[in-house]
């Protein structure tokens, strides 16, 4: 009997032969380079929900959309007075419904403070907007003052830098008004009269991932090596303030 079985086993591919000789390992044993054969699964087409399972408003909306598109195509291909009239009447129905929707939207927002963007974020009234912006400036200034106690900025600039002077002026004002430490880093032997004590770049810019100049990086003064990019390119003083305040003091998702 062995003389009959052995030639058959040797003729099997290596993983199959190994399985044949190692049945004790179980039916699910297989060689790492020979994944088990799985039965092909029939591809099941997604079943669209029955029309009667949808809300009546959804069915009516889809029908109106289809009607409008069909009438538009007919009017384009056969622009008769009757075809254009049919299309324009349906379009007016759509616009009327949109106007009603917008009107109700506004009324709901007015009556629900939690949904009113003007109350939650930025008012639209001129007087209220002025007061809001003044409060925002005070809040930003307070955040930067707190940040300056434990963080500083790296100002990375280079030769023939088109916007480095603008950034230098903004940083000097920031340092004067908020006592924010600023350390300049000069790339490729550059110099700047406002930052005579700039460090020569010894690979810092590349290590920080700087790809464009000027660059502003925020560093915590607690020994952490983590740098937070604040800006690349020109910024006004107000923009610089806002970015620092957002990065330091506003959690992600709470600005809008």
C-alpha atoms as a PDB file:
ATOM      1  CA  UNK A   1       0.000   0.000   0.000  1.00  0.00           C
ATOM      2  CA  UNK A   2       2.845   2.436   0.849  1.00  0.00           C
ATOM      3  CA  UNK A   3       4.383   1.781  -2.535  1.00  0.00           C
ATOM      4  CA  UNK A   4       1.178   3.090  -4.112  1.00  0.00           C
ATOM      5  CA  UNK A   5       0.623   6.165  -1.906  1.00  0.00           C
ATOM      6  CA  UNK A   6       4.185   7.484  -1.729  1.00  0.00           C
ATOM      7  CA  UNK A   7       4.587   8.393  -5.429  1.00  0.00           C
ATOM      8  CA  UNK A   8       1.293  10.247  -5.261  1.00  0.00           C
ATOM      9  CA  UNK A   9       2.378  12.293  -2.224  1.00  0.00           C
ATOM     10  CA  UNK A  10       5.716  13.220  -3.825  1.00  0.00           C
ATOM     11  CA  UNK A  11       3.927  14.443  -6.908  1.00  0.00           C
ATOM     12  CA  UNK A  12       1.954  17.014  -4.915  1.00  0.00           C
ATOM     13  CA  UNK A  13       3.174  20.621  -4.677  1.00  0.00           C
ATOM     14  CA  UNK A  14       5.286  21.247  -1.569  1.00  0.00           C
ATOM     15  CA  UNK A  15       2.597  22.914   0.589  1.00  0.00           C
ATOM     16  CA  UNK A  16       0.037  20.257  -0.314  1.00  0.00           C
ATOM     17  CA  UNK A  17       2.521  17.448   0.328  1.00  0.00           C
ATOM     18  CA  UNK A  18       3.410  18.974   3.695  1.00  0.00           C
ATOM     19  CA  UNK A  19      -0.269  19.130   4.581  1.00  0.00           C
ATOM     20  CA  UNK A  20      -0.773  15.531   3.476  1.00  0.00           C
ATOM     21  CA  UNK A  21       2.061  14.383   5.758  1.00  0.00           C
ATOM     22  CA  UNK A  22       0.962  16.554   8.706  1.00  0.00           C
ATOM     23  CA  UNK A  23      -2.737  15.882   9.045  1.00  0.00           C
ATOM     24  CA  UNK A  24      -2.347  15.844  12.824  1.00  0.00           C
ATOM     25  CA  UNK A  25      -1.960  19.632  12.765  1.00  0.00           C
ATOM     26  CA  UNK A  26      -5.590  20.010  11.839  1.00  0.00           C
ATOM     27  CA  UNK A  27      -7.631  20.818   8.812  1.00  0.00           C
ATOM     28  CA  UNK A  28      -6.795  24.547   9.026  1.00  0.00           C
ATOM     29  CA  UNK A  29      -3.023  24.062   8.886  1.00  0.00           C
ATOM     30  CA  UNK A  30      -1.278  25.568   5.882  1.00  0.00           C
ATOM     31  CA  UNK A  31       2.129  26.734   4.861  1.00  0.00           C
ATOM     32  CA  UNK A  32       2.791  30.498   5.241  1.00  0.00           C
ATOM     33  CA  UNK A  33       3.491  30.779   1.517  1.00  0.00           C
ATOM     34  CA  UNK A  34       0.340  28.932   0.570  1.00  0.00           C
ATOM     35  CA  UNK A  35      -2.811  30.707   1.765  1.00  0.00           C
ATOM     36  CA  UNK A  36      -5.872  28.530   2.191  1.00  0.00           C
ATOM     37  CA  UNK A  37      -8.199  28.319  -0.717  1.00  0.00           C
ATOM     38  CA  UNK A  38     -11.453  30.065  -0.022  1.00  0.00           C
ATOM     39  CA  UNK A  39     -14.649  29.387  -1.820  1.00  0.00           C
ATOM     40  CA  UNK A  40     -15.582  32.180  -4.169  1.00  0.00           C
ATOM     41  CA  UNK A  41     -18.322  34.340  -2.775  1.00  0.00           C
ATOM     42  CA  UNK A  42     -21.123  35.411  -5.004  1.00  0.00           C
ATOM     43  CA  UNK A  43     -21.060  39.130  -5.477  1.00  0.00           C
ATOM     44  CA  UNK A  44     -24.240  40.511  -4.074  1.00  0.00           C
ATOM     45  CA  UNK A  45     -25.596  43.625  -5.670  1.00  0.00           C
ATOM     46  CA  UNK A  46     -26.764  46.259  -3.181  1.00  0.00           C
ATOM     47  CA  UNK A  47     -30.494  46.266  -2.929  1.00  0.00           C
ATOM     48  CA  UNK A  48     -32.053  49.666  -3.381  1.00  0.00           C
ATOM     49  CA  UNK A  49     -34.659  50.519  -0.776  1.00  0.00           C
ATOM     50  CA  UNK A  50     -38.199  50.176  -1.932  1.00  0.00           C
ATOM     51  CA  UNK A  51     -39.852  53.422  -2.955  1.00  0.00           C
ATOM     52  CA  UNK A  52     -42.580  52.998  -0.336  1.00  0.00           C
ATOM     53  CA  UNK A  53     -39.868  52.765   2.380  1.00  0.00           C
ATOM     54  CA  UNK A  54     -38.741  56.342   1.709  1.00  0.00           C
ATOM     55  CA  UNK A  55     -40.432  59.392   3.239  1.00  0.00           C
ATOM     56  CA  UNK A  56     -42.997  60.905   0.917  1.00  0.00           C
ATOM     57  CA  UNK A  57     -41.028  64.181   0.848  1.00  0.00           C
ATOM     58  CA  UNK A  58     -37.927  62.408  -0.463  1.00  0.00           C
ATOM     59  CA  UNK A  59     -39.932  60.698  -3.217  1.00  0.00           C
ATOM     60  CA  UNK A  60     -41.566  63.994  -4.187  1.00  0.00           C
ATOM     61  CA  UNK A  61     -38.235  65.834  -4.213  1.00  0.00           C
ATOM     62  CA  UNK A  62     -36.643  63.259  -6.490  1.00  0.00           C
ATOM     63  CA  UNK A  63     -39.608  63.360  -8.814  1.00  0.00           C
ATOM     64  CA  UNK A  64     -39.442  67.153  -8.994  1.00  0.00           C
ATOM     65  CA  UNK A  65     -35.713  67.055  -9.722  1.00  0.00           C
ATOM     66  CA  UNK A  66     -36.229  64.500 -12.481  1.00  0.00           C
ATOM     67  CA  UNK A  67     -39.111  66.461 -13.968  1.00  0.00           C
ATOM     68  CA  UNK A  68     -37.078  69.687 -14.001  1.00  0.00           C
ATOM     69  CA  UNK A  69     -34.080  68.037 -15.639  1.00  0.00           C
ATOM     70  CA  UNK A  70     -36.166  66.308 -18.268  1.00  0.00           C
ATOM     71  CA  UNK A  71     -38.022  69.519 -19.145  1.00  0.00           C
ATOM     72  CA  UNK A  72     -34.732  71.416 -19.314  1.00  0.00           C
ATOM     73  CA  UNK A  73     -33.283  68.914 -21.784  1.00  0.00           C
ATOM     74  CA  UNK A  74     -36.447  68.932 -23.876  1.00  0.00           C
ATOM     75  CA  UNK A  75     -36.418  72.746 -23.948  1.00  0.00           C
ATOM     76  CA  UNK A  76     -32.777  72.759 -25.054  1.00  0.00           C
ATOM     77  CA  UNK A  77     -33.268  70.170 -27.777  1.00  0.00           C
ATOM     78  CA  UNK A  78     -36.636  71.500 -28.924  1.00  0.00           C
ATOM     79  CA  UNK A  79     -36.921  75.142 -27.796  1.00  0.00           C
ATOM     80  CA  UNK A  80     -40.565  75.704 -28.572  1.00  0.00           C
ATOM     81  CA  UNK A  81     -42.737  78.107 -26.624  1.00  0.00           C
ATOM     82  CA  UNK A  82     -44.631  75.215 -25.030  1.00  0.00           C
ATOM     83  CA  UNK A  83     -41.473  73.375 -23.973  1.00  0.00           C
ATOM     84  CA  UNK A  84     -39.845  76.495 -22.527  1.00  0.00           C
ATOM     85  CA  UNK A  85     -43.042  77.452 -20.725  1.00  0.00           C
ATOM     86  CA  UNK A  86     -43.277  74.000 -19.115  1.00  0.00           C
ATOM     87  CA  UNK A  87     -39.658  74.181 -17.983  1.00  0.00           C
ATOM     88  CA  UNK A  88     -39.936  77.720 -16.607  1.00  0.00           C
ATOM     89  CA  UNK A  89     -43.096  76.881 -14.672  1.00  0.00           C
ATOM     90  CA  UNK A  90     -41.341  73.935 -13.008  1.00  0.00           C
ATOM     91  CA  UNK A  91     -38.266  76.058 -12.336  1.00  0.00           C
ATOM     92  CA  UNK A  92     -40.474  78.674 -10.663  1.00  0.00           C
ATOM     93  CA  UNK A  93     -41.932  75.967  -8.444  1.00  0.00           C
ATOM     94  CA  UNK A  94     -38.411  74.964  -7.400  1.00  0.00           C
ATOM     95  CA  UNK A  95     -37.426  78.591  -6.702  1.00  0.00           C
ATOM     96  CA  UNK A  96     -40.604  79.195  -4.690  1.00  0.00           C
ATOM     97  CA  UNK A  97     -39.876  76.153  -2.556  1.00  0.00           C
ATOM     98  CA  UNK A  98     -36.283  77.345  -2.071  1.00  0.00           C
ATOM     99  CA  UNK A  99     -37.514  80.767  -0.966  1.00  0.00           C
ATOM    100  CA  UNK A 100     -39.920  79.202   1.530  1.00  0.00           C
ATOM    101  CA  UNK A 101     -37.107  77.016   2.860  1.00  0.00           C
ATOM    102  CA  UNK A 102     -34.797  80.045   3.281  1.00  0.00           C
ATOM    103  CA  UNK A 103     -37.506  82.026   5.040  1.00  0.00           C
ATOM    104  CA  UNK A 104     -38.253  79.238   7.505  1.00  0.00           C
ATOM    105  CA  UNK A 105     -34.517  78.645   8.025  1.00  0.00           C
ATOM    106  CA  UNK A 106     -34.069  82.261   9.114  1.00  0.00           C
ATOM    107  CA  UNK A 107     -37.078  82.173  11.440  1.00  0.00           C
ATOM    108  CA  UNK A 108     -35.823  79.005  13.134  1.00  0.00           C
ATOM    109  CA  UNK A 109     -32.358  80.511  13.602  1.00  0.00           C
ATOM    110  CA  UNK A 110     -33.817  83.711  15.059  1.00  0.00           C
ATOM    111  CA  UNK A 111     -35.833  81.746  17.595  1.00  0.00           C
ATOM    112  CA  UNK A 112     -33.018  79.308  18.530  1.00  0.00           C
ATOM    113  CA  UNK A 113     -29.920  81.003  20.013  1.00  0.00           C
ATOM    114  CA  UNK A 114     -27.869  77.813  19.804  1.00  0.00           C
ATOM    115  CA  UNK A 115     -28.256  77.877  16.002  1.00  0.00           C
ATOM    116  CA  UNK A 116     -27.572  81.592  15.511  1.00  0.00           C
ATOM    117  CA  UNK A 117     -24.062  82.047  14.121  1.00  0.00           C
ATOM    118  CA  UNK A 118     -24.168  85.779  14.907  1.00  0.00           C
ATOM    119  CA  UNK A 119     -24.664  85.022  18.590  1.00  0.00           C
ATOM    120  CA  UNK A 120     -22.225  82.128  18.770  1.00  0.00           C
ATOM    121  CA  UNK A 121     -19.342  83.568  16.744  1.00  0.00           C
ATOM    122  CA  UNK A 122     -19.510  86.938  14.993  1.00  0.00           C
ATOM    123  CA  UNK A 123     -22.367  89.479  15.050  1.00  0.00           C
ATOM    124  CA  UNK A 124     -23.537  91.234  11.908  1.00  0.00           C
ATOM    125  CA  UNK A 125     -24.662  94.525  13.465  1.00  0.00           C
ATOM    126  CA  UNK A 126     -21.990  97.242  13.052  1.00  0.00           C
ATOM    127  CA  UNK A 127     -21.982  98.399  16.692  1.00  0.00           C
ATOM    128  CA  UNK A 128     -22.016  94.852  18.034  1.00  0.00           C
ATOM    129  CA  UNK A 129     -19.286  93.891  15.565  1.00  0.00           C
ATOM    130  CA  UNK A 130     -17.030  96.699  16.818  1.00  0.00           C
ATOM    131  CA  UNK A 131     -17.473  95.564  20.414  1.00  0.00           C
ATOM    132  CA  UNK A 132     -16.928  91.943  19.404  1.00  0.00           C
ATOM    133  CA  UNK A 133     -13.677  92.703  17.595  1.00  0.00           C
ATOM    134  CA  UNK A 134     -12.397  94.781  20.521  1.00  0.00           C
ATOM    135  CA  UNK A 135     -13.090  91.872  22.846  1.00  0.00           C
ATOM    136  CA  UNK A 136     -11.342  89.486  20.471  1.00  0.00           C
ATOM    137  CA  UNK A 137      -8.237  91.714  20.428  1.00  0.00           C
ATOM    138  CA  UNK A 138      -8.128  91.803  24.205  1.00  0.00           C
ATOM    139  CA  UNK A 139      -8.537  88.039  24.377  1.00  0.00           C
ATOM    140  CA  UNK A 140      -5.740  87.471  21.844  1.00  0.00           C
ATOM    141  CA  UNK A 141      -3.430  89.813  23.730  1.00  0.00           C
ATOM    142  CA  UNK A 142      -4.071  87.953  26.994  1.00  0.00           C
ATOM    143  CA  UNK A 143      -3.334  84.590  25.359  1.00  0.00           C
ATOM    144  CA  UNK A 144      -0.067  85.872  23.870  1.00  0.00           C
ATOM    145  CA  UNK A 145       0.987  87.405  27.199  1.00  0.00           C
ATOM    146  CA  UNK A 146       0.508  84.045  28.897  1.00  0.00           C
ATOM    147  CA  UNK A 147       2.295  82.225  26.103  1.00  0.00           C
ATOM    148  CA  UNK A 148       5.274  84.594  26.273  1.00  0.00           C
ATOM    149  CA  UNK A 149       5.974  83.414  29.815  1.00  0.00           C
ATOM    150  CA  UNK A 150       6.757  79.906  28.613  1.00  0.00           C
ATOM    151  CA  UNK A 151       7.375  80.056  24.880  1.00  0.00           C
ATOM    152  CA  UNK A 152       9.363  81.923  22.272  1.00  0.00           C
ATOM    153  CA  UNK A 153       9.599  82.366  18.516  1.00  0.00           C
ATOM    154  CA  UNK A 154      12.263  81.419  16.012  1.00  0.00           C
ATOM    155  CA  UNK A 155      12.531  83.824  13.085  1.00  0.00           C
ATOM    156  CA  UNK A 156      14.258  82.068  10.185  1.00  0.00           C
ATOM    157  CA  UNK A 157      15.307  84.415   7.378  1.00  0.00           C
ATOM    158  CA  UNK A 158      17.710  84.367   4.437  1.00  0.00           C
ATOM    159  CA  UNK A 159      19.476  86.457   1.832  1.00  0.00           C
ATOM    160  CA  UNK A 160      17.455  88.530  -0.610  1.00  0.00           C
ATOM    161  CA  UNK A 161      14.312  87.635   1.322  1.00  0.00           C
ATOM    162  CA  UNK A 162      11.462  89.652  -0.151  1.00  0.00           C
ATOM    163  CA  UNK A 163       9.239  89.672   2.943  1.00  0.00           C
ATOM    164  CA  UNK A 164      11.743  89.267   5.777  1.00  0.00           C
ATOM    165  CA  UNK A 165      11.765  93.002   6.609  1.00  0.00           C
ATOM    166  CA  UNK A 166       7.985  93.018   7.011  1.00  0.00           C
ATOM    167  CA  UNK A 167       8.122  90.002   9.329  1.00  0.00           C
ATOM    168  CA  UNK A 168      11.014  91.511  11.279  1.00  0.00           C
ATOM    169  CA  UNK A 169       8.976  94.653  12.014  1.00  0.00           C
ATOM    170  CA  UNK A 170       5.989  92.597  13.160  1.00  0.00           C
ATOM    171  CA  UNK A 171       8.200  90.485  15.426  1.00  0.00           C
ATOM    172  CA  UNK A 172       9.867  93.532  16.962  1.00  0.00           C
ATOM    173  CA  UNK A 173       6.438  94.953  17.802  1.00  0.00           C
ATOM    174  CA  UNK A 174       5.332  91.622  19.228  1.00  0.00           C
ATOM    175  CA  UNK A 175       8.427  91.481  21.423  1.00  0.00           C
ATOM    176  CA  UNK A 176       7.899  95.045  22.616  1.00  0.00           C
ATOM    177  CA  UNK A 177       4.181  94.726  23.405  1.00  0.00           C
ATOM    178  CA  UNK A 178       4.070  91.184  24.791  1.00  0.00           C
ATOM    179  CA  UNK A 179       7.664  90.571  25.897  1.00  0.00           C
ATOM    180  CA  UNK A 180       7.717  87.534  23.605  1.00  0.00           C
ATOM    181  CA  UNK A 181      11.258  86.126  23.195  1.00  0.00           C
ATOM    182  CA  UNK A 182      12.386  86.080  19.545  1.00  0.00           C
ATOM    183  CA  UNK A 183      15.513  84.328  18.312  1.00  0.00           C
ATOM    184  CA  UNK A 184      16.521  84.949  14.726  1.00  0.00           C
ATOM    185  CA  UNK A 185      18.267  82.275  12.634  1.00  0.00           C
ATOM    186  CA  UNK A 186      20.188  83.454   9.561  1.00  0.00           C
ATOM    187  CA  UNK A 187      20.245  81.070   6.602  1.00  0.00           C
ATOM    188  CA  UNK A 188      23.205  81.043   4.182  1.00  0.00           C
ATOM    189  CA  UNK A 189      25.123  83.787   5.950  1.00  0.00           C
ATOM    190  CA  UNK A 190      22.291  86.325   5.846  1.00  0.00           C
ATOM    191  CA  UNK A 191      22.130  89.268   8.250  1.00  0.00           C
ATOM    192  CA  UNK A 192      19.460  91.694   9.432  1.00  0.00           C
ATOM    193  CA  UNK A 193      20.011  95.025  11.188  1.00  0.00           C
ATOM    194  CA  UNK A 194      17.098  94.454  13.597  1.00  0.00           C
ATOM    195  CA  UNK A 195      18.524  91.095  14.708  1.00  0.00           C
ATOM    196  CA  UNK A 196      22.298  91.517  14.945  1.00  0.00           C
ATOM    197  CA  UNK A 197      22.571  88.566  17.336  1.00  0.00           C
ATOM    198  CA  UNK A 198      21.008  86.109  14.908  1.00  0.00           C
ATOM    199  CA  UNK A 199      22.317  82.562  15.088  1.00  0.00           C
ATOM    200  CA  UNK A 200      23.972  81.230  11.947  1.00  0.00           C
ATOM    201  CA  UNK A 201      21.989  78.332  10.561  1.00  0.00           C
ATOM    202  CA  UNK A 202      23.804  75.079  11.320  1.00  0.00           C
ATOM    203  CA  UNK A 203      21.127  72.796   9.872  1.00  0.00           C
ATOM    204  CA  UNK A 204      18.364  74.052  12.135  1.00  0.00           C
ATOM    205  CA  UNK A 205      16.144  75.219   9.261  1.00  0.00           C
ATOM    206  CA  UNK A 206      16.307  71.860   7.500  1.00  0.00           C
ATOM    207  CA  UNK A 207      15.734  69.953  10.726  1.00  0.00           C
ATOM    208  CA  UNK A 208      12.691  72.128  11.438  1.00  0.00           C
ATOM    209  CA  UNK A 209      11.268  71.372   8.001  1.00  0.00           C
ATOM    210  CA  UNK A 210      11.484  74.953   6.773  1.00  0.00           C
ATOM    211  CA  UNK A 211      10.754  75.110   3.047  1.00  0.00           C
ATOM    212  CA  UNK A 212      10.024  78.805   2.570  1.00  0.00           C
ATOM    213  CA  UNK A 213      11.370  82.035   4.039  1.00  0.00           C
ATOM    214  CA  UNK A 214      10.666  83.886   6.181  1.00  0.00           C
ATOM    215  CA  UNK A 215       9.443  81.257   8.621  1.00  0.00           C
ATOM    216  CA  UNK A 216       8.125  81.651  12.159  1.00  0.00           C
ATOM    217  CA  UNK A 217       8.282  78.715  14.560  1.00  0.00           C
ATOM    218  CA  UNK A 218       6.990  78.630  18.124  1.00  0.00           C
ATOM    219  CA  UNK A 219       9.042  76.718  20.685  1.00  0.00           C
ATOM    220  CA  UNK A 220       8.164  75.986  24.295  1.00  0.00           C
ATOM    221  CA  UNK A 221      10.870  76.996  26.781  1.00  0.00           C
ATOM    222  CA  UNK A 222      10.439  73.932  28.975  1.00  0.00           C
ATOM    223  CA  UNK A 223      13.130  71.923  27.204  1.00  0.00           C
ATOM    224  CA  UNK A 224      10.731  70.398  24.689  1.00  0.00           C
ATOM    225  CA  UNK A 225      12.138  70.056  21.180  1.00  0.00           C
ATOM    226  CA  UNK A 226       8.714  70.322  19.547  1.00  0.00           C
ATOM    227  CA  UNK A 227       8.296  73.247  17.152  1.00  0.00           C
ATOM    228  CA  UNK A 228       4.939  74.585  15.998  1.00  0.00           C
ATOM    229  CA  UNK A 229       4.910  76.348  12.618  1.00  0.00           C
ATOM    230  CA  UNK A 230       3.184  79.725  12.879  1.00  0.00           C
ATOM    231  CA  UNK A 231       3.733  81.242   9.460  1.00  0.00           C
ATOM    232  CA  UNK A 232       5.591  81.114   6.170  1.00  0.00           C
ATOM    233  CA  UNK A 233       5.781  84.279   4.136  1.00  0.00           C
ATOM    234  CA  UNK A 234       4.509  87.750   4.964  1.00  0.00           C
ATOM    235  CA  UNK A 235       2.021  88.491   7.743  1.00  0.00           C
ATOM    236  CA  UNK A 236       0.715  91.712   9.209  1.00  0.00           C
ATOM    237  CA  UNK A 237       1.128  92.270  12.927  1.00  0.00           C
ATOM    238  CA  UNK A 238      -2.571  91.538  13.513  1.00  0.00           C
ATOM    239  CA  UNK A 239      -2.350  88.302  11.527  1.00  0.00           C
ATOM    240  CA  UNK A 240       0.721  87.245  13.478  1.00  0.00           C
ATOM    241  CA  UNK A 241      -1.100  87.897  16.749  1.00  0.00           C
ATOM    242  CA  UNK A 242      -4.125  85.921  15.625  1.00  0.00           C
ATOM    243  CA  UNK A 243      -2.104  82.908  14.515  1.00  0.00           C
ATOM    244  CA  UNK A 244      -0.128  82.704  17.732  1.00  0.00           C
ATOM    245  CA  UNK A 245      -3.291  83.031  19.817  1.00  0.00           C
ATOM    246  CA  UNK A 246      -5.057  80.317  17.798  1.00  0.00           C
ATOM    247  CA  UNK A 247      -2.156  77.856  17.862  1.00  0.00           C
ATOM    248  CA  UNK A 248      -1.502  78.368  21.568  1.00  0.00           C
ATOM    249  CA  UNK A 249      -4.911  78.988  23.047  1.00  0.00           C
ATOM    250  CA  UNK A 250      -7.781  77.730  20.867  1.00  0.00           C
ATOM    251  CA  UNK A 251      -8.602  73.998  20.693  1.00  0.00           C
ATOM    252  CA  UNK A 252      -9.141  72.552  17.226  1.00  0.00           C
ATOM    253  CA  UNK A 253     -12.770  72.789  16.150  1.00  0.00           C
ATOM    254  CA  UNK A 254     -13.780  75.761  18.296  1.00  0.00           C
ATOM    255  CA  UNK A 255     -13.047  78.582  15.864  1.00  0.00           C
ATOM    256  CA  UNK A 256     -15.960  78.046  13.446  1.00  0.00           C
END
